[in-house]
Amino acid sequence: MSDNLRVDPLEVRMAADHVNAAADSLRSAHGTAHERMGAAAPGWIGSSASGLSATTTKWEEESAAHYTELLKHAEDLRSAAEKYVRTDDNAATEIDSAGANLGTMGL
Protein backbone atom coordinates (compact mmCIF):
# COMPACT_ATOMS: atom_id res chain seq x y z
CA MET A 1 0.00 0.00 0.00
CA SER A 2 1.42 3.35 -1.04
CA ASP A 3 1.69 6.25 1.37
CA ASN A 4 1.62 8.75 -1.49
CA LEU A 5 -1.40 10.81 -2.36
CA ARG A 6 -1.63 11.61 -6.05
CA VAL A 7 -4.13 14.22 -7.12
CA ASP A 8 -4.75 15.57 -10.60
CA PRO A 9 -6.04 19.14 -10.07
CA LEU A 10 -7.64 19.10 -13.52
CA GLU A 11 -9.71 16.06 -12.52
CA VAL A 12 -10.73 17.82 -9.31
CA ARG A 13 -11.81 20.89 -11.31
CA MET A 14 -13.75 18.65 -13.69
CA ALA A 15 -15.48 17.04 -10.70
CA ALA A 16 -16.47 20.53 -9.57
CA ASP A 17 -17.95 21.19 -13.01
CA HIS A 18 -19.96 17.96 -12.74
CA VAL A 19 -21.26 18.98 -9.33
CA ASN A 20 -22.29 22.37 -10.77
CA ALA A 21 -24.11 20.60 -13.60
CA ALA A 22 -25.90 18.38 -11.07
CA ALA A 23 -26.90 21.46 -9.07
CA ASP A 24 -28.30 23.13 -12.19
CA SER A 25 -30.21 19.97 -13.11
CA LEU A 26 -31.63 19.72 -9.61
CA ARG A 27 -32.74 23.35 -9.65
CA SER A 28 -34.33 23.00 -13.07
CA ALA A 29 -36.15 19.73 -12.40
CA HIS A 30 -37.31 20.73 -8.94
CA GLY A 31 -38.33 24.18 -10.20
CA THR A 32 -40.52 22.55 -12.83
CA ALA A 33 -42.08 20.26 -10.23
CA HIS A 34 -42.72 23.18 -7.88
CA GLU A 35 -44.36 25.16 -10.70
CA ARG A 36 -46.62 22.22 -11.51
CA MET A 37 -47.57 21.85 -7.87
CA GLY A 38 -48.33 25.56 -7.69
CA ALA A 39 -50.46 25.34 -10.82
CA ALA A 40 -52.41 22.45 -9.31
CA ALA A 41 -53.05 24.27 -6.04
CA PRO A 42 -56.19 26.19 -7.12
CA GLY A 43 -57.96 22.86 -7.70
CA TRP A 44 -57.46 21.78 -4.10
CA ILE A 45 -59.73 22.82 -1.22
CA GLY A 46 -59.76 22.82 2.56
CA SER A 47 -57.11 20.97 4.47
CA SER A 48 -55.85 19.36 1.26
CA ALA A 49 -55.08 22.82 -0.15
CA SER A 50 -53.25 23.93 2.98
CA GLY A 51 -51.41 20.60 3.11
CA LEU A 52 -50.29 20.97 -0.50
CA SER A 53 -49.21 24.55 0.12
CA ALA A 54 -47.20 23.61 3.21
CA THR A 55 -45.60 20.64 1.45
CA THR A 56 -44.74 22.73 -1.60
CA THR A 57 -43.14 25.40 0.57
CA LYS A 58 -41.15 22.79 2.49
CA TRP A 59 -39.93 21.13 -0.70
CA GLU A 60 -38.99 24.48 -2.25
CA GLU A 61 -36.91 25.31 0.83
CA GLU A 62 -35.27 21.88 0.83
CA SER A 63 -34.50 22.12 -2.89
CA ALA A 64 -32.93 25.55 -2.41
CA ALA A 65 -30.83 24.20 0.47
CA HIS A 66 -29.67 21.21 -1.60
CA TYR A 67 -28.80 23.51 -4.51
CA THR A 68 -26.79 25.80 -2.23
CA GLU A 69 -24.98 22.84 -0.67
CA LEU A 70 -24.05 21.46 -4.09
CA LEU A 71 -22.65 24.84 -5.11
CA LYS A 72 -20.60 24.87 -1.89
CA HIS A 73 -19.23 21.40 -2.67
CA ALA A 74 -18.23 22.56 -6.16
CA GLU A 75 -16.49 25.62 -4.74
CA ASP A 76 -14.70 23.47 -2.16
CA LEU A 77 -13.47 21.18 -4.93
CA ARG A 78 -12.14 24.15 -6.90
CA SER A 79 -10.46 25.51 -3.79
CA ALA A 80 -8.85 22.12 -3.11
CA ALA A 81 -7.56 21.95 -6.69
CA GLU A 82 -5.98 25.38 -6.33
CA LYS A 83 -4.38 24.39 -3.01
CA TYR A 84 -2.88 21.26 -4.59
CA VAL A 85 -1.41 23.37 -7.40
CA ARG A 86 -0.09 25.98 -4.98
CA THR A 87 1.45 23.31 -2.73
CA ASP A 88 3.15 21.61 -5.68
CA ASP A 89 4.41 24.94 -7.03
CA ASN A 90 5.80 25.93 -3.62
CA ALA A 91 7.51 22.56 -3.21
CA ALA A 92 9.04 22.85 -6.69
CA THR A 93 10.35 26.32 -5.86
CA GLU A 94 11.89 25.05 -2.63
CA ILE A 95 13.56 22.16 -4.44
CA ASP A 96 14.91 24.49 -7.13
CA SER A 97 16.22 26.88 -4.46
CA ALA A 98 17.89 24.04 -2.57
CA GLY A 99 19.58 22.89 -5.77
CA ALA A 100 20.78 26.40 -6.53
CA ASN A 101 22.13 26.75 -2.99
CA LEU A 102 24.19 23.58 -3.38
CA GLY A 103 26.07 25.25 -6.22
CA THR A 104 27.02 28.22 -4.04
CA MET A 105 28.26 25.90 -1.30
CA GLY A 106 30.89 24.41 -3.58
CA LEU A 107 29.23 20.99 -3.62
C-alpha atoms as a PDB file:
ATOM      1  CA  MET A   1       0.000   0.000   0.000  1.00  0.00           C
ATOM      2  CA  SER A   2       1.418   3.347  -1.044  1.00  0.00           C
ATOM      3  CA  ASP A   3       1.688   6.245   1.369  1.00  0.00           C
ATOM      4  CA  ASN A   4       1.622   8.749  -1.490  1.00  0.00           C
ATOM      5  CA  LEU A   5      -1.396  10.814  -2.362  1.00  0.00           C
ATOM      6  CA  ARG A   6      -1.634  11.607  -6.048  1.00  0.00           C
ATOM      7  CA  VAL A   7      -4.133  14.221  -7.123  1.00  0.00           C
ATOM      8  CA  ASP A   8      -4.753  15.573 -10.595  1.00  0.00           C
ATOM      9  CA  PRO A   9      -6.035  19.139 -10.074  1.00  0.00           C
ATOM     10  CA  LEU A  10      -7.635  19.097 -13.525  1.00  0.00           C
ATOM     11  CA  GLU A  11      -9.705  16.057 -12.517  1.00  0.00           C
ATOM     12  CA  VAL A  12     -10.733  17.818  -9.310  1.00  0.00           C
ATOM     13  CA  ARG A  13     -11.811  20.890 -11.306  1.00  0.00           C
ATOM     14  CA  MET A  14     -13.747  18.646 -13.694  1.00  0.00           C
ATOM     15  CA  ALA A  15     -15.476  17.038 -10.705  1.00  0.00           C
ATOM     16  CA  ALA A  16     -16.470  20.534  -9.565  1.00  0.00           C
ATOM     17  CA  ASP A  17     -17.951  21.191 -13.010  1.00  0.00           C
ATOM     18  CA  HIS A  18     -19.956  17.959 -12.742  1.00  0.00           C
ATOM     19  CA  VAL A  19     -21.258  18.985  -9.330  1.00  0.00           C
ATOM     20  CA  ASN A  20     -22.291  22.371 -10.769  1.00  0.00           C
ATOM     21  CA  ALA A  21     -24.114  20.598 -13.597  1.00  0.00           C
ATOM     22  CA  ALA A  22     -25.897  18.380 -11.067  1.00  0.00           C
ATOM     23  CA  ALA A  23     -26.899  21.464  -9.074  1.00  0.00           C
ATOM     24  CA  ASP A  24     -28.298  23.125 -12.187  1.00  0.00           C
ATOM     25  CA  SER A  25     -30.210  19.966 -13.114  1.00  0.00           C
ATOM     26  CA  LEU A  26     -31.628  19.719  -9.613  1.00  0.00           C
ATOM     27  CA  ARG A  27     -32.741  23.348  -9.646  1.00  0.00           C
ATOM     28  CA  SER A  28     -34.327  23.004 -13.073  1.00  0.00           C
ATOM     29  CA  ALA A  29     -36.146  19.732 -12.396  1.00  0.00           C
ATOM     30  CA  HIS A  30     -37.311  20.735  -8.942  1.00  0.00           C
ATOM     31  CA  GLY A  31     -38.331  24.176 -10.198  1.00  0.00           C
ATOM     32  CA  THR A  32     -40.523  22.548 -12.834  1.00  0.00           C
ATOM     33  CA  ALA A  33     -42.080  20.258 -10.229  1.00  0.00           C
ATOM     34  CA  HIS A  34     -42.721  23.178  -7.881  1.00  0.00           C
ATOM     35  CA  GLU A  35     -44.360  25.160 -10.696  1.00  0.00           C
ATOM     36  CA  ARG A  36     -46.622  22.217 -11.512  1.00  0.00           C
ATOM     37  CA  MET A  37     -47.572  21.847  -7.866  1.00  0.00           C
ATOM     38  CA  GLY A  38     -48.330  25.558  -7.690  1.00  0.00           C
ATOM     39  CA  ALA A  39     -50.457  25.340 -10.824  1.00  0.00           C
ATOM     40  CA  ALA A  40     -52.409  22.450  -9.309  1.00  0.00           C
ATOM     41  CA  ALA A  41     -53.050  24.266  -6.035  1.00  0.00           C
ATOM     42  CA  PRO A  42     -56.189  26.189  -7.118  1.00  0.00           C
ATOM     43  CA  GLY A  43     -57.964  22.856  -7.699  1.00  0.00           C
ATOM     44  CA  TRP A  44     -57.458  21.784  -4.097  1.00  0.00           C
ATOM     45  CA  ILE A  45     -59.732  22.823  -1.223  1.00  0.00           C
ATOM     46  CA  GLY A  46     -59.758  22.821   2.556  1.00  0.00           C
ATOM     47  CA  SER A  47     -57.106  20.968   4.471  1.00  0.00           C
ATOM     48  CA  SER A  48     -55.852  19.364   1.256  1.00  0.00           C
ATOM     49  CA  ALA A  49     -55.075  22.818  -0.154  1.00  0.00           C
ATOM     50  CA  SER A  50     -53.254  23.929   2.978  1.00  0.00           C
ATOM     51  CA  GLY A  51     -51.406  20.604   3.111  1.00  0.00           C
ATOM     52  CA  LEU A  52     -50.287  20.968  -0.505  1.00  0.00           C
ATOM     53  CA  SER A  53     -49.209  24.548   0.115  1.00  0.00           C
ATOM     54  CA  ALA A  54     -47.203  23.607   3.209  1.00  0.00           C
ATOM     55  CA  THR A  55     -45.604  20.643   1.452  1.00  0.00           C
ATOM     56  CA  THR A  56     -44.741  22.725  -1.597  1.00  0.00           C
ATOM     57  CA  THR A  57     -43.141  25.401   0.571  1.00  0.00           C
ATOM     58  CA  LYS A  58     -41.154  22.788   2.494  1.00  0.00           C
ATOM     59  CA  TRP A  59     -39.929  21.132  -0.701  1.00  0.00           C
ATOM     60  CA  GLU A  60     -38.991  24.480  -2.251  1.00  0.00           C
ATOM     61  CA  GLU A  61     -36.911  25.312   0.834  1.00  0.00           C
ATOM     62  CA  GLU A  62     -35.268  21.881   0.827  1.00  0.00           C
ATOM     63  CA  SER A  63     -34.503  22.122  -2.893  1.00  0.00           C
ATOM     64  CA  ALA A  64     -32.931  25.549  -2.409  1.00  0.00           C
ATOM     65  CA  ALA A  65     -30.827  24.199   0.470  1.00  0.00           C
ATOM     66  CA  HIS A  66     -29.670  21.210  -1.602  1.00  0.00           C
ATOM     67  CA  TYR A  67     -28.798  23.508  -4.513  1.00  0.00           C
ATOM     68  CA  THR A  68     -26.791  25.803  -2.234  1.00  0.00           C
ATOM     69  CA  GLU A  69     -24.984  22.836  -0.665  1.00  0.00           C
ATOM     70  CA  LEU A  70     -24.046  21.458  -4.085  1.00  0.00           C
ATOM     71  CA  LEU A  71     -22.649  24.845  -5.106  1.00  0.00           C
ATOM     72  CA  LYS A  72     -20.598  24.869  -1.888  1.00  0.00           C
ATOM     73  CA  HIS A  73     -19.230  21.402  -2.668  1.00  0.00           C
ATOM     74  CA  ALA A  74     -18.230  22.555  -6.159  1.00  0.00           C
ATOM     75  CA  GLU A  75     -16.492  25.619  -4.743  1.00  0.00           C
ATOM     76  CA  ASP A  76     -14.705  23.474  -2.156  1.00  0.00           C
ATOM     77  CA  LEU A  77     -13.466  21.176  -4.928  1.00  0.00           C
ATOM     78  CA  ARG A  78     -12.144  24.153  -6.898  1.00  0.00           C
ATOM     79  CA  SER A  79     -10.463  25.506  -3.787  1.00  0.00           C
ATOM     80  CA  ALA A  80      -8.852  22.118  -3.114  1.00  0.00           C
ATOM     81  CA  ALA A  81      -7.559  21.946  -6.692  1.00  0.00           C
ATOM     82  CA  GLU A  82      -5.975  25.379  -6.330  1.00  0.00           C
ATOM     83  CA  LYS A  83      -4.382  24.393  -3.012  1.00  0.00           C
ATOM     84  CA  TYR A  84      -2.879  21.265  -4.589  1.00  0.00           C
ATOM     85  CA  VAL A  85      -1.415  23.371  -7.405  1.00  0.00           C
ATOM     86  CA  ARG A  86      -0.087  25.983  -4.978  1.00  0.00           C
ATOM     87  CA  THR A  87       1.452  23.308  -2.727  1.00  0.00           C
ATOM     88  CA  ASP A  88       3.149  21.613  -5.680  1.00  0.00           C
ATOM     89  CA  ASP A  89       4.412  24.943  -7.027  1.00  0.00           C
ATOM     90  CA  ASN A  90       5.797  25.934  -3.621  1.00  0.00           C
ATOM     91  CA  ALA A  91       7.514  22.564  -3.206  1.00  0.00           C
ATOM     92  CA  ALA A  92       9.042  22.845  -6.685  1.00  0.00           C
ATOM     93  CA  THR A  93      10.349  26.323  -5.861  1.00  0.00           C
ATOM     94  CA  GLU A  94      11.894  25.054  -2.627  1.00  0.00           C
ATOM     95  CA  ILE A  95      13.565  22.156  -4.444  1.00  0.00           C
ATOM     96  CA  ASP A  96      14.913  24.493  -7.127  1.00  0.00           C
ATOM     97  CA  SER A  97      16.218  26.875  -4.456  1.00  0.00           C
ATOM     98  CA  ALA A  98      17.890  24.039  -2.570  1.00  0.00           C
ATOM     99  CA  GLY A  99      19.580  22.889  -5.768  1.00  0.00           C
ATOM    100  CA  ALA A 100      20.784  26.395  -6.533  1.00  0.00           C
ATOM    101  CA  ASN A 101      22.132  26.754  -2.988  1.00  0.00           C
ATOM    102  CA  LEU A 102      24.187  23.580  -3.379  1.00  0.00           C
ATOM    103  CA  GLY A 103      26.071  25.249  -6.216  1.00  0.00           C
ATOM    104  CA  THR A 104      27.021  28.218  -4.041  1.00  0.00           C
ATOM    105  CA  MET A 105      28.256  25.898  -1.303  1.00  0.00           C
ATOM    106  CA  GLY A 106      30.887  24.412  -3.579  1.00  0.00           C
ATOM    107  CA  LEU A 107      29.234  20.991  -3.622  1.00  0.00           C
END
